[in-house]
PDB file of N, CA and C in Angstrom:
ATOM      1  N   UNK A   1      86.121 101.418 114.568  1.00  0.00           N
ATOM      2  CA  UNK A   1      85.070 101.848 113.853  1.00  0.00           C
ATOM      3  C   UNK A   1      85.248 103.083 113.085  1.00  0.00           C
ATOM      4  N   UNK A   2      85.493 103.082 111.670  1.00  0.00           N
ATOM      5  CA  UNK A   2      85.632 104.553 110.888  1.00  0.00           C
ATOM      6  C   UNK A   2      84.485 105.306 111.136  1.00  0.00           C
ATOM      7  N   UNK A   3      84.497 106.640 111.827  1.00  0.00           N
ATOM      8  CA  UNK A   3      83.652 107.653 111.618  1.00  0.00           C
ATOM      9  C   UNK A   3      83.946 108.891 110.708  1.00  0.00           C
ATOM     10  N   UNK A   4      83.025 109.459 109.858  1.00  0.00           N
ATOM     11  CA  UNK A   4      83.297 110.642 109.220  1.00  0.00           C
ATOM     12  C   UNK A   4      82.289 111.669 109.811  1.00  0.00           C
ATOM     13  N   UNK A   5      82.747 112.970 109.881  1.00  0.00           N
ATOM     14  CA  UNK A   5      82.031 114.117 110.488  1.00  0.00           C
ATOM     15  C   UNK A   5      82.102 115.112 109.461  1.00  0.00           C
ATOM     16  N   UNK A   6      81.295 115.492 108.608  1.00  0.00           N
ATOM     17  CA  UNK A   6      81.224 116.592 107.900  1.00  0.00           C
ATOM     18  C   UNK A   6      81.035 117.934 108.669  1.00  0.00           C
ATOM     19  N   UNK A   7      81.226 119.010 108.108  1.00  0.00           N
ATOM     20  CA  UNK A   7      80.828 120.335 108.458  1.00  0.00           C
ATOM     21  C   UNK A   7      81.042 121.268 107.494  1.00  0.00           C
ATOM     22  N   UNK A   8      80.374 122.707 107.505  1.00  0.00           N
ATOM     23  CA  UNK A   8      80.435 123.765 106.464  1.00  0.00           C
ATOM     24  C   UNK A   8      79.493 124.115 105.869  1.00  0.00           C
ATOM     25  N   UNK A   9      78.359 123.312 105.851  1.00  0.00           N
ATOM     26  CA  UNK A   9      77.423 123.357 104.830  1.00  0.00           C
ATOM     27  C   UNK A   9      76.634 124.762 105.560  1.00  0.00           C
ATOM     28  N   UNK A  10      75.738 125.021 104.722  1.00  0.00           N
ATOM     29  CA  UNK A  10      74.780 126.066 105.000  1.00  0.00           C
ATOM     30  C   UNK A  10      73.899 126.544 103.836  1.00  0.00           C
ATOM     31  N   UNK A  11      73.594 128.071 103.905  1.00  0.00           N
ATOM     32  CA  UNK A  11      72.770 128.758 103.034  1.00  0.00           C
ATOM     33  C   UNK A  11      73.765 129.853 102.426  1.00  0.00           C
ATOM     34  N   UNK A  12      73.625 129.905 101.241  1.00  0.00           N
ATOM     35  CA  UNK A  12      74.349 130.926 100.465  1.00  0.00           C
ATOM     36  C   UNK A  12      74.136 131.488  99.191  1.00  0.00           C
ATOM     37  N   UNK A  13      73.968 132.387  98.855  1.00  0.00           N
ATOM     38  CA  UNK A  13      73.644 133.069  97.360  1.00  0.00           C
ATOM     39  C   UNK A  13      74.318 132.560  96.341  1.00  0.00           C
ATOM     40  N   UNK A  14      73.803 132.484  95.087  1.00  0.00           N
ATOM     41  CA  UNK A  14      74.426 132.064  94.041  1.00  0.00           C
ATOM     42  C   UNK A  14      75.424 133.065  93.709  1.00  0.00           C
ATOM     43  N   UNK A  15      76.694 132.401  93.461  1.00  0.00           N
ATOM     44  CA  UNK A  15      77.782 132.958  93.147  1.00  0.00           C
ATOM     45  C   UNK A  15      78.689 133.142  94.573  1.00  0.00           C
ATOM     46  N   UNK A  16      78.275 132.693  95.503  1.00  0.00           N
ATOM     47  CA  UNK A  16      78.888 132.735  96.756  1.00  0.00           C
ATOM     48  C   UNK A  16      79.819 131.357  96.718  1.00  0.00           C
ATOM     49  N   UNK A  17      80.524 131.105  98.242  1.00  0.00           N
ATOM     50  CA  UNK A  17      81.401 130.191  98.314  1.00  0.00           C
ATOM     51  C   UNK A  17      81.201 129.626  99.560  1.00  0.00           C
ATOM     52  N   UNK A  18      81.496 128.264  99.657  1.00  0.00           N
ATOM     53  CA  UNK A  18      81.431 127.618 100.822  1.00  0.00           C
ATOM     54  C   UNK A  18      82.714 126.665 100.956  1.00  0.00           C
ATOM     55  N   UNK A  19      83.256 126.243 102.033  1.00  0.00           N
ATOM     56  CA  UNK A  19      84.313 125.110 102.220  1.00  0.00           C
ATOM     57  C   UNK A  19      83.647 123.921 103.106  1.00  0.00           C
ATOM     58  N   UNK A  20      83.588 122.866 102.596  1.00  0.00           N
ATOM     59  CA  UNK A  20      83.360 121.782 103.514  1.00  0.00           C
ATOM     60  C   UNK A  20      84.349 120.885 103.814  1.00  0.00           C
ATOM     61  N   UNK A  21      84.145 120.548 105.275  1.00  0.00           N
ATOM     62  CA  UNK A  21      85.448 119.633 105.936  1.00  0.00           C
ATOM     63  C   UNK A  21      84.825 118.507 106.453  1.00  0.00           C
ATOM     64  N   UNK A  22      85.805 117.568 106.404  1.00  0.00           N
ATOM     65  CA  UNK A  22      85.240 115.912 106.784  1.00  0.00           C
ATOM     66  C   UNK A  22      86.342 115.414 107.381  1.00  0.00           C
ATOM     67  N   UNK A  23      86.176 115.308 108.910  1.00  0.00           N
ATOM     68  CA  UNK A  23      87.239 114.533 109.918  1.00  0.00           C
ATOM     69  C   UNK A  23      86.962 113.005 109.889  1.00  0.00           C
ATOM     70  N   UNK A  24      87.907 112.608 110.009  1.00  0.00           N
ATOM     71  CA  UNK A  24      87.678 110.959 109.794  1.00  0.00           C
ATOM     72  C   UNK A  24      88.675 110.663 111.343  1.00  0.00           C
ATOM     73  N   UNK A  25      87.793 109.701 112.111  1.00  0.00           N
ATOM     74  CA  UNK A  25      88.351 109.048 113.023  1.00  0.00           C
ATOM     75  C   UNK A  25      88.278 107.551 113.039  1.00  0.00           C
ATOM     76  N   UNK A  26      89.048 106.745 113.651  1.00  0.00           N
ATOM     77  CA  UNK A  26      89.268 105.387 113.677  1.00  0.00           C
ATOM     78  C   UNK A  26      90.010 104.757 112.609  1.00  0.00           C
ATOM     79  N   UNK A  27      90.525 105.727 111.708  1.00  0.00           N
ATOM     80  CA  UNK A  27      91.537 105.304 110.796  1.00  0.00           C
ATOM     81  C   UNK A  27      91.827 106.481 109.738  1.00  0.00           C
ATOM     82  N   UNK A  28      93.134 106.462 109.681  1.00  0.00           N
ATOM     83  CA  UNK A  28      93.819 107.391 108.707  1.00  0.00           C
ATOM     84  C   UNK A  28      93.319 107.586 107.527  1.00  0.00           C
ATOM     85  N   UNK A  29      93.260 108.814 107.043  1.00  0.00           N
ATOM     86  CA  UNK A  29      92.630 108.842 105.505  1.00  0.00           C
ATOM     87  C   UNK A  29      93.905 108.765 104.697  1.00  0.00           C
ATOM     88  N   UNK A  30      95.014 108.872 105.091  1.00  0.00           N
ATOM     89  CA  UNK A  30      96.419 108.385 104.417  1.00  0.00           C
ATOM     90  C   UNK A  30      96.345 106.821 103.913  1.00  0.00           C
ATOM     91  N   UNK A  31      96.475 106.988 102.337  1.00  0.00           N
ATOM     92  CA  UNK A  31      96.467 105.520 101.759  1.00  0.00           C
ATOM     93  C   UNK A  31      95.314 105.030 101.226  1.00  0.00           C
ATOM     94  N   UNK A  32      94.367 105.893 101.429  1.00  0.00           N
ATOM     95  CA  UNK A  32      92.921 105.627 100.737  1.00  0.00           C
ATOM     96  C   UNK A  32      92.239 106.726 100.062  1.00  0.00           C
ATOM     97  N   UNK A  33      91.531 106.222  98.759  1.00  0.00           N
ATOM     98  CA  UNK A  33      90.890 107.365  98.038  1.00  0.00           C
ATOM     99  C   UNK A  33      89.694 107.946  98.836  1.00  0.00           C
ATOM    100  N   UNK A  34      89.582 109.209  98.794  1.00  0.00           N
ATOM    101  CA  UNK A  34      88.387 109.851  99.607  1.00  0.00           C
ATOM    102  C   UNK A  34      87.646 110.588  98.401  1.00  0.00           C
ATOM    103  N   UNK A  35      86.212 111.009  98.858  1.00  0.00           N
ATOM    104  CA  UNK A  35      85.658 111.293  97.885  1.00  0.00           C
ATOM    105  C   UNK A  35      84.284 112.427  98.381  1.00  0.00           C
ATOM    106  N   UNK A  36      83.803 113.105  97.740  1.00  0.00           N
ATOM    107  CA  UNK A  36      82.643 113.882  98.097  1.00  0.00           C
ATOM    108  C   UNK A  36      81.434 113.484  96.994  1.00  0.00           C
ATOM    109  N   UNK A  37      80.288 113.037  97.678  1.00  0.00           N
ATOM    110  CA  UNK A  37      79.293 112.954  96.758  1.00  0.00           C
ATOM    111  C   UNK A  37      77.919 114.005  97.339  1.00  0.00           C
ATOM    112  N   UNK A  38      77.211 114.230  96.461  1.00  0.00           N
ATOM    113  CA  UNK A  38      76.111 114.946  96.666  1.00  0.00           C
ATOM    114  C   UNK A  38      74.641 114.183  96.451  1.00  0.00           C
ATOM    115  N   UNK A  39      73.537 114.742  97.172  1.00  0.00           N
ATOM    116  CA  UNK A  39      72.324 114.027  96.565  1.00  0.00           C
ATOM    117  C   UNK A  39      71.269 115.417  96.938  1.00  0.00           C
ATOM    118  N   UNK A  40      70.734 115.667  95.867  1.00  0.00           N
ATOM    119  CA  UNK A  40      69.455 116.367  95.665  1.00  0.00           C
ATOM    120  C   UNK A  40      68.367 115.900  95.823  1.00  0.00           C
ATOM    121  N   UNK A  41      67.442 116.412  96.240  1.00  0.00           N
ATOM    122  CA  UNK A  41      66.095 116.071  96.442  1.00  0.00           C
ATOM    123  C   UNK A  41      65.341 115.151  95.106  1.00  0.00           C
ATOM    124  N   UNK A  42      65.072 114.054  95.573  1.00  0.00           N
ATOM    125  CA  UNK A  42      64.437 113.179  94.131  1.00  0.00           C
ATOM    126  C   UNK A  42      65.419 112.618  93.251  1.00  0.00           C
ATOM    127  N   UNK A  43      66.790 112.733  93.806  1.00  0.00           N
ATOM    128  CA  UNK A  43      67.850 112.208  92.605  1.00  0.00           C
ATOM    129  C   UNK A  43      68.729 111.253  93.502  1.00  0.00           C
ATOM    130  N   UNK A  44      69.579 110.571  92.766  1.00  0.00           N
ATOM    131  CA  UNK A  44      70.378 109.665  93.051  1.00  0.00           C
ATOM    132  C   UNK A  44      71.762 110.394  93.729  1.00  0.00           C
ATOM    133  N   UNK A  45      72.221 109.599  94.521  1.00  0.00           N
ATOM    134  CA  UNK A  45      73.707 110.357  95.086  1.00  0.00           C
ATOM    135  C   UNK A  45      74.773 110.252  93.937  1.00  0.00           C
ATOM    136  N   UNK A  46      75.231 111.356  93.650  1.00  0.00           N
ATOM    137  CA  UNK A  46      76.381 111.416  92.688  1.00  0.00           C
ATOM    138  C   UNK A  46      77.725 111.739  93.279  1.00  0.00           C
ATOM    139  N   UNK A  47      78.717 111.185  92.469  1.00  0.00           N
ATOM    140  CA  UNK A  47      80.123 111.637  93.006  1.00  0.00           C
ATOM    141  C   UNK A  47      80.323 113.076  92.388  1.00  0.00           C
ATOM    142  N   UNK A  48      80.798 113.833  93.219  1.00  0.00           N
ATOM    143  CA  UNK A  48      81.064 115.140  92.857  1.00  0.00           C
ATOM    144  C   UNK A  48      82.624 115.356  92.723  1.00  0.00           C
ATOM    145  N   UNK A  49      83.428 115.034  93.493  1.00  0.00           N
ATOM    146  CA  UNK A  49      85.067 114.814  93.452  1.00  0.00           C
ATOM    147  C   UNK A  49      85.626 113.911  94.279  1.00  0.00           C
ATOM    148  N   UNK A  50      86.579 113.466  93.544  1.00  0.00           N
ATOM    149  CA  UNK A  50      87.320 112.421  94.395  1.00  0.00           C
ATOM    150  C   UNK A  50      88.983 112.553  94.326  1.00  0.00           C
ATOM    151  N   UNK A  51      89.661 112.104  95.404  1.00  0.00           N
ATOM    152  CA  UNK A  51      91.038 112.181  95.260  1.00  0.00           C
ATOM    153  C   UNK A  51      91.602 110.938  95.437  1.00  0.00           C
ATOM    154  N   UNK A  52      92.822 110.471  94.509  1.00  0.00           N
ATOM    155  CA  UNK A  52      93.421 109.348  95.016  1.00  0.00           C
ATOM    156  C   UNK A  52      94.551 109.319  96.441  1.00  0.00           C
ATOM    157  N   UNK A  53      94.666 108.154  96.686  1.00  0.00           N
ATOM    158  CA  UNK A  53      95.345 107.998  97.883  1.00  0.00           C
ATOM    159  C   UNK A  53      96.659 108.969  98.038  1.00  0.00           C
ATOM    160  N   UNK A  54      97.208 109.125  97.282  1.00  0.00           N
ATOM    161  CA  UNK A  54      98.469 110.066  97.230  1.00  0.00           C
ATOM    162  C   UNK A  54      98.186 111.137  96.794  1.00  0.00           C
ATOM    163  N   UNK A  55      97.108 111.832  96.369  1.00  0.00           N
ATOM    164  CA  UNK A  55      96.855 113.070  96.012  1.00  0.00           C
ATOM    165  C   UNK A  55      97.165 113.499  94.566  1.00  0.00           C
ATOM    166  N   UNK A  56      97.611 112.403  93.943  1.00  0.00           N
ATOM    167  CA  UNK A  56      98.273 112.870  92.436  1.00  0.00           C
ATOM    168  C   UNK A  56      97.113 113.013  91.357  1.00  0.00           C
ATOM    169  N   UNK A  57      95.802 112.310  91.720  1.00  0.00           N
ATOM    170  CA  UNK A  57      94.782 112.008  90.849  1.00  0.00           C
ATOM    171  C   UNK A  57      93.677 112.480  91.469  1.00  0.00           C
ATOM    172  N   UNK A  58      92.928 113.502  90.550  1.00  0.00           N
ATOM    173  CA  UNK A  58      91.551 113.914  91.212  1.00  0.00           C
ATOM    174  C   UNK A  58      90.402 113.581  90.051  1.00  0.00           C
ATOM    175  N   UNK A  59      89.174 113.729  90.594  1.00  0.00           N
ATOM    176  CA  UNK A  59      88.117 113.481  89.687  1.00  0.00           C
ATOM    177  C   UNK A  59      86.908 114.439  89.873  1.00  0.00           C
ATOM    178  N   UNK A  60      86.454 115.226  89.208  1.00  0.00           N
ATOM    179  CA  UNK A  60      85.348 116.307  89.194  1.00  0.00           C
ATOM    180  C   UNK A  60      84.254 115.804  88.026  1.00  0.00           C
ATOM    181  N   UNK A  61      82.986 115.800  88.584  1.00  0.00           N
ATOM    182  CA  UNK A  61      81.937 115.862  87.881  1.00  0.00           C
ATOM    183  C   UNK A  61      82.108 117.050  86.954  1.00  0.00           C
ATOM    184  N   UNK A  62      81.811 117.042  85.934  1.00  0.00           N
ATOM    185  CA  UNK A  62      81.400 117.913  84.765  1.00  0.00           C
ATOM    186  C   UNK A  62      80.842 118.956  85.192  1.00  0.00           C
ATOM    187  N   UNK A  63      79.792 119.180  85.978  1.00  0.00           N
ATOM    188  CA  UNK A  63      78.935 120.328  86.418  1.00  0.00           C
ATOM    189  C   UNK A  63      79.827 120.914  87.259  1.00  0.00           C
ATOM    190  N   UNK A  64      80.866 120.515  87.925  1.00  0.00           N
ATOM    191  CA  UNK A  64      81.734 121.260  88.977  1.00  0.00           C
ATOM    192  C   UNK A  64      82.972 121.875  88.618  1.00  0.00           C
ATOM    193  N   UNK A  65      83.393 121.382  87.462  1.00  0.00           N
ATOM    194  CA  UNK A  65      85.030 121.453  87.088  1.00  0.00           C
ATOM    195  C   UNK A  65      85.008 122.888  87.096  1.00  0.00           C
ATOM    196  N   UNK A  66      86.402 123.419  87.577  1.00  0.00           N
ATOM    197  CA  UNK A  66      86.646 124.738  87.390  1.00  0.00           C
ATOM    198  C   UNK A  66      85.997 125.538  88.750  1.00  0.00           C
ATOM    199  N   UNK A  67      85.212 124.811  89.560  1.00  0.00           N
ATOM    200  CA  UNK A  67      84.728 125.539  90.342  1.00  0.00           C
ATOM    201  C   UNK A  67      84.772 125.043  91.976  1.00  0.00           C
ATOM    202  N   UNK A  68      84.957 123.654  91.741  1.00  0.00           N
ATOM    203  CA  UNK A  68      84.949 123.044  93.254  1.00  0.00           C
ATOM    204  C   UNK A  68      86.516 122.440  93.060  1.00  0.00           C
ATOM    205  N   UNK A  69      86.917 122.542  94.278  1.00  0.00           N
ATOM    206  CA  UNK A  69      88.593 121.749  94.467  1.00  0.00           C
ATOM    207  C   UNK A  69      88.409 120.887  95.847  1.00  0.00           C
ATOM    208  N   UNK A  70      88.810 119.637  95.618  1.00  0.00           N
ATOM    209  CA  UNK A  70      88.887 118.665  96.584  1.00  0.00           C
ATOM    210  C   UNK A  70      90.684 118.518  97.015  1.00  0.00           C
ATOM    211  N   UNK A  71      90.620 118.807  98.466  1.00  0.00           N
ATOM    212  CA  UNK A  71      91.928 118.585  99.002  1.00  0.00           C
ATOM    213  C   UNK A  71      91.984 117.518 100.151  1.00  0.00           C
ATOM    214  N   UNK A  72      93.097 117.337 100.595  1.00  0.00           N
ATOM    215  CA  UNK A  72      93.146 116.506 102.125  1.00  0.00           C
ATOM    216  C   UNK A  72      94.561 116.939 102.617  1.00  0.00           C
ATOM    217  N   UNK A  73      94.377 116.598 103.778  1.00  0.00           N
ATOM    218  CA  UNK A  73      95.314 116.770 104.768  1.00  0.00           C
ATOM    219  C   UNK A  73      95.687 115.474 105.481  1.00  0.00           C
ATOM    220  N   UNK A  74      96.470 114.874 105.362  1.00  0.00           N
ATOM    221  CA  UNK A  74      96.707 113.466 105.963  1.00  0.00           C
ATOM    222  C   UNK A  74      97.055 113.626 107.349  1.00  0.00           C
ATOM    223  N   UNK A  75      97.687 114.948 107.730  1.00  0.00           N
ATOM    224  CA  UNK A  75      98.263 114.979 109.017  1.00  0.00           C
ATOM    225  C   UNK A  75      97.036 115.232 110.109  1.00  0.00           C
ATOM    226  N   UNK A  76      96.399 116.127 109.571  1.00  0.00           N
ATOM    227  CA  UNK A  76      94.858 116.203 110.249  1.00  0.00           C
ATOM    228  C   UNK A  76      93.881 115.469 110.184  1.00  0.00           C
ATOM    229  N   UNK A  77      94.024 114.333 109.211  1.00  0.00           N
ATOM    230  CA  UNK A  77      93.039 113.389 108.944  1.00  0.00           C
ATOM    231  C   UNK A  77      91.820 114.152 108.529  1.00  0.00           C
ATOM    232  N   UNK A  78      91.515 115.045 107.534  1.00  0.00           N
ATOM    233  CA  UNK A  78      90.804 115.970 107.449  1.00  0.00           C
ATOM    234  C   UNK A  78      90.811 116.282 105.662  1.00  0.00           C
ATOM    235  N   UNK A  79      89.561 115.925 105.040  1.00  0.00           N
ATOM    236  CA  UNK A  79      89.236 116.187 103.569  1.00  0.00           C
ATOM    237  C   UNK A  79      88.640 117.556 103.394  1.00  0.00           C
ATOM    238  N   UNK A  80      88.671 118.183 102.390  1.00  0.00           N
ATOM    239  CA  UNK A  80      88.011 119.442 102.334  1.00  0.00           C
ATOM    240  C   UNK A  80      87.413 119.403 100.684  1.00  0.00           C
ATOM    241  N   UNK A  81      86.273 120.239 100.772  1.00  0.00           N
ATOM    242  CA  UNK A  81      85.696 120.674  99.185  1.00  0.00           C
ATOM    243  C   UNK A  81      85.543 122.062  99.380  1.00  0.00           C
ATOM    244  N   UNK A  82      86.210 122.831  98.331  1.00  0.00           N
ATOM    245  CA  UNK A  82      86.375 124.268  98.396  1.00  0.00           C
ATOM    246  C   UNK A  82      85.238 124.436  97.284  1.00  0.00           C
ATOM    247  N   UNK A  83      84.062 125.106  97.498  1.00  0.00           N
ATOM    248  CA  UNK A  83      83.087 125.225  96.495  1.00  0.00           C
ATOM    249  C   UNK A  83      82.822 126.770  96.162  1.00  0.00           C
ATOM    250  N   UNK A  84      83.262 127.242  94.883  1.00  0.00           N
ATOM    251  CA  UNK A  84      83.323 128.545  94.523  1.00  0.00           C
ATOM    252  C   UNK A  84      82.007 128.897  93.400  1.00  0.00           C
ATOM    253  N   UNK A  85      81.917 130.106  93.340  1.00  0.00           N
ATOM    254  CA  UNK A  85      80.744 130.332  92.089  1.00  0.00           C
ATOM    255  C   UNK A  85      79.516 129.477  92.274  1.00  0.00           C
ATOM    256  N   UNK A  86      79.097 129.115  93.473  1.00  0.00           N
ATOM    257  CA  UNK A  86      77.897 128.158  93.698  1.00  0.00           C
ATOM    258  C   UNK A  86      76.776 128.564  92.893  1.00  0.00           C
ATOM    259  N   UNK A  87      75.750 127.582  92.264  1.00  0.00           N
ATOM    260  CA  UNK A  87      75.064 127.763  91.464  1.00  0.00           C
ATOM    261  C   UNK A  87      73.385 127.150  92.126  1.00  0.00           C
ATOM    262  N   UNK A  88      72.340 127.394  92.000  1.00  0.00           N
ATOM    263  CA  UNK A  88      71.145 126.797  92.462  1.00  0.00           C
ATOM    264  C   UNK A  88      71.383 125.245  92.427  1.00  0.00           C
ATOM    265  N   UNK A  89      71.737 124.943  91.293  1.00  0.00           N
ATOM    266  CA  UNK A  89      71.929 123.445  91.054  1.00  0.00           C
ATOM    267  C   UNK A  89      73.055 122.675  91.969  1.00  0.00           C
ATOM    268  N   UNK A  90      73.547 123.224  92.737  1.00  0.00           N
ATOM    269  CA  UNK A  90      74.503 122.628  93.514  1.00  0.00           C
ATOM    270  C   UNK A  90      73.725 122.256  94.828  1.00  0.00           C
ATOM    271  N   UNK A  91      72.631 122.649  94.929  1.00  0.00           N
ATOM    272  CA  UNK A  91      71.709 122.389  96.511  1.00  0.00           C
ATOM    273  C   UNK A  91      71.869 120.916  96.580  1.00  0.00           C
ATOM    274  N   UNK A  92      71.657 120.646  97.843  1.00  0.00           N
ATOM    275  CA  UNK A  92      71.628 119.302  98.142  1.00  0.00           C
ATOM    276  C   UNK A  92      72.433 118.877  99.252  1.00  0.00           C
ATOM    277  N   UNK A  93      72.461 117.760  99.655  1.00  0.00           N
ATOM    278  CA  UNK A  93      72.988 117.282 101.012  1.00  0.00           C
ATOM    279  C   UNK A  93      74.432 116.683 100.265  1.00  0.00           C
ATOM    280  N   UNK A  94      75.449 117.295 101.072  1.00  0.00           N
ATOM    281  CA  UNK A  94      76.856 116.599 100.433  1.00  0.00           C
ATOM    282  C   UNK A  94      77.330 115.725 101.628  1.00  0.00           C
ATOM    283  N   UNK A  95      77.950 114.469 101.235  1.00  0.00           N
ATOM    284  CA  UNK A  95      78.561 113.711 102.033  1.00  0.00           C
ATOM    285  C   UNK A  95      80.083 112.976 101.510  1.00  0.00           C
ATOM    286  N   UNK A  96      80.812 112.982 102.682  1.00  0.00           N
ATOM    287  CA  UNK A  96      82.283 112.613 102.407  1.00  0.00           C
ATOM    288  C   UNK A  96      82.206 110.928 102.495  1.00  0.00           C
ATOM    289  N   UNK A  97      83.022 110.556 101.805  1.00  0.00           N
ATOM    290  CA  UNK A  97      82.885 108.968 101.832  1.00  0.00           C
ATOM    291  C   UNK A  97      84.612 108.401 101.651  1.00  0.00           C
ATOM    292  N   UNK A  98      84.704 107.429 101.954  1.00  0.00           N
ATOM    293  CA  UNK A  98      86.225 106.539 101.665  1.00  0.00           C
ATOM    294  C   UNK A  98      85.858 105.018 101.747  1.00  0.00           C
ATOM    295  N   UNK A  99      86.583 104.289 100.983  1.00  0.00           N
ATOM    296  CA  UNK A  99      86.063 102.983 100.678  1.00  0.00           C
ATOM    297  C   UNK A  99      87.018 102.037 102.149  1.00  0.00           C
ATOM    298  N   UNK A 100      86.634 101.060 102.190  1.00  0.00           N
ATOM    299  CA  UNK A 100      87.230 100.121 103.170  1.00  0.00           C
ATOM    300  C   UNK A 100      88.790  99.673 102.867  1.00  0.00           C
ATOM    301  N   UNK A 101      88.769  99.331 101.314  1.00  0.00           N
ATOM    302  CA  UNK A 101      90.015  98.831 100.733  1.00  0.00           C
ATOM    303  C   UNK A 101      90.868  99.963 100.193  1.00  0.00           C
ATOM    304  N   UNK A 102      92.056  99.517  99.864  1.00  0.00           N
ATOM    305  CA  UNK A 102      92.962 100.514  99.244  1.00  0.00           C
ATOM    306  C   UNK A 102      92.987 100.324  97.769  1.00  0.00           C
ATOM    307  N   UNK A 103      92.272 101.279  97.149  1.00  0.00           N
ATOM    308  CA  UNK A 103      92.179 101.326  95.899  1.00  0.00           C
ATOM    309  C   UNK A 103      93.075 101.957  94.991  1.00  0.00           C
ATOM    310  N   UNK A 104      93.502 101.368  93.775  1.00  0.00           N
ATOM    311  CA  UNK A 104      94.460 102.059  92.896  1.00  0.00           C
ATOM    312  C   UNK A 104      93.835 102.966  91.740  1.00  0.00           C
ATOM    313  N   UNK A 105      92.625 103.143  91.847  1.00  0.00           N
ATOM    314  CA  UNK A 105      91.793 104.001  91.047  1.00  0.00           C
ATOM    315  C   UNK A 105      90.539 104.636  91.739  1.00  0.00           C
ATOM    316  N   UNK A 106      90.027 105.708  91.242  1.00  0.00           N
ATOM    317  CA  UNK A 106      88.874 106.134  91.751  1.00  0.00           C
ATOM    318  C   UNK A 106      87.473 105.529  91.211  1.00  0.00           C
ATOM    319  N   UNK A 107      86.551 105.232  91.627  1.00  0.00           N
ATOM    320  CA  UNK A 107      85.284 104.685  91.359  1.00  0.00           C
ATOM    321  C   UNK A 107      84.168 105.732  91.742  1.00  0.00           C
ATOM    322  N   UNK A 108      83.234 105.850  90.859  1.00  0.00           N
ATOM    323  CA  UNK A 108      82.267 106.650  90.947  1.00  0.00           C
ATOM    324  C   UNK A 108      80.934 106.420  91.471  1.00  0.00           C
ATOM    325  N   UNK A 109      80.709 104.905  91.883  1.00  0.00           N
ATOM    326  CA  UNK A 109      79.399 104.841  92.187  1.00  0.00           C
ATOM    327  C   UNK A 109      79.573 104.456  93.876  1.00  0.00           C
ATOM    328  N   UNK A 110      78.469 105.186  94.254  1.00  0.00           N
ATOM    329  CA  UNK A 110      78.205 105.240  95.690  1.00  0.00           C
ATOM    330  C   UNK A 110      78.262 103.828  96.257  1.00  0.00           C
ATOM    331  N   UNK A 111      77.586 103.320  95.611  1.00  0.00           N
ATOM    332  CA  UNK A 111      77.803 101.398  96.380  1.00  0.00           C
ATOM    333  C   UNK A 111      78.996 100.736  96.405  1.00  0.00           C
ATOM    334  N   UNK A 112      79.942 101.438  95.763  1.00  0.00           N
ATOM    335  CA  UNK A 112      81.293 100.774  95.912  1.00  0.00           C
ATOM    336  C   UNK A 112      82.012 101.564  97.503  1.00  0.00           C
ATOM    337  N   UNK A 113      81.543 102.394  97.977  1.00  0.00           N
ATOM    338  CA  UNK A 113      82.208 103.130  99.060  1.00  0.00           C
ATOM    339  C   UNK A 113      81.377 102.730 100.398  1.00  0.00           C
ATOM    340  N   UNK A 114      82.192 102.586 101.356  1.00  0.00           N
ATOM    341  CA  UNK A 114      81.841 101.706 102.775  1.00  0.00           C
ATOM    342  C   UNK A 114      81.711 102.730 103.793  1.00  0.00           C
ATOM    343  N   UNK A 115      82.254 103.718 103.981  1.00  0.00           N
ATOM    344  CA  UNK A 115      82.207 104.723 105.108  1.00  0.00           C
ATOM    345  C   UNK A 115      81.502 105.944 104.765  1.00  0.00           C
ATOM    346  N   UNK A 116      80.628 106.591 105.496  1.00  0.00           N
ATOM    347  CA  UNK A 116      79.665 107.698 105.043  1.00  0.00           C
ATOM    348  C   UNK A 116      79.905 108.475 106.227  1.00  0.00           C
ATOM    349  N   UNK A 117      80.004 109.871 106.024  1.00  0.00           N
ATOM    350  CA  UNK A 117      79.337 110.834 106.943  1.00  0.00           C
ATOM    351  C   UNK A 117      77.909 111.133 107.047  1.00  0.00           C
ATOM    352  N   UNK A 118      77.586 111.813 107.851  1.00  0.00           N
ATOM    353  CA  UNK A 118      76.063 112.138 108.319  1.00  0.00           C
ATOM    354  C   UNK A 118      75.730 112.979 107.194  1.00  0.00           C
ATOM    355  N   UNK A 119      76.279 113.923 106.301  1.00  0.00           N
ATOM    356  CA  UNK A 119      75.907 114.650 105.499  1.00  0.00           C
ATOM    357  C   UNK A 119      75.778 116.069 105.902  1.00  0.00           C
ATOM    358  N   UNK A 120      76.134 116.966 104.997  1.00  0.00           N
ATOM    359  CA  UNK A 120      75.911 118.422 105.551  1.00  0.00           C
ATOM    360  C   UNK A 120      75.135 119.116 104.286  1.00  0.00           C
ATOM    361  N   UNK A 121      74.079 119.757 104.718  1.00  0.00           N
ATOM    362  CA  UNK A 121      73.149 120.480 103.838  1.00  0.00           C
ATOM    363  C   UNK A 121      73.871 121.823 102.983  1.00  0.00           C
ATOM    364  N   UNK A 122      73.733 121.651 101.854  1.00  0.00           N
ATOM    365  CA  UNK A 122      74.055 122.981 101.092  1.00  0.00           C
ATOM    366  C   UNK A 122      72.970 123.539 100.230  1.00  0.00           C
ATOM    367  N   UNK A 123      72.574 124.777 100.647  1.00  0.00           N
ATOM    368  CA  UNK A 123      71.549 125.288  99.980  1.00  0.00           C
ATOM    369  C   UNK A 123      71.968 126.598  99.049  1.00  0.00           C
ATOM    370  N   UNK A 124      71.811 126.797  98.034  1.00  0.00           N
ATOM    371  CA  UNK A 124      72.310 127.979  97.302  1.00  0.00           C
ATOM    372  C   UNK A 124      70.956 128.338  96.680  1.00  0.00           C
ATOM    373  N   UNK A 125      70.751 129.747  97.099  1.00  0.00           N
ATOM    374  CA  UNK A 125      69.578 130.510  96.751  1.00  0.00           C
ATOM    375  C   UNK A 125      69.883 131.408  95.361  1.00  0.00           C
ATOM    376  N   UNK A 126      69.139 131.489  94.524  1.00  0.00           N
ATOM    377  CA  UNK A 126      69.313 132.057  93.522  1.00  0.00           C
ATOM    378  C   UNK A 126      68.766 133.670  93.357  1.00  0.00           C
TER     379      UNK A 126
END
């Protein structure tokens, strides 16, 4: 059973930074796409950032490019999302996720992913 546990969320002022972490158990992150999604109140879950299994390819939503950085540590079985220059529109619940299969490309639909963490709340005050 794959389990993902996020941490690092909280309340921060606009312009501040947070680093989210996601630790996996039951399976190694190595060899699999990993991704961060977020869901704001009343909105659908959206892909914020993703990284290919080898780490050579990354995806960022236009709204976070230049501010967020996704990374992975396959030895620690942990993924990270460094969030800088946070804005009020970044507020939401952030989820880490990974698929069951070994993908050769990133997919941006939440329905395509199989394993999810419980989510961590990020609130940015303006």
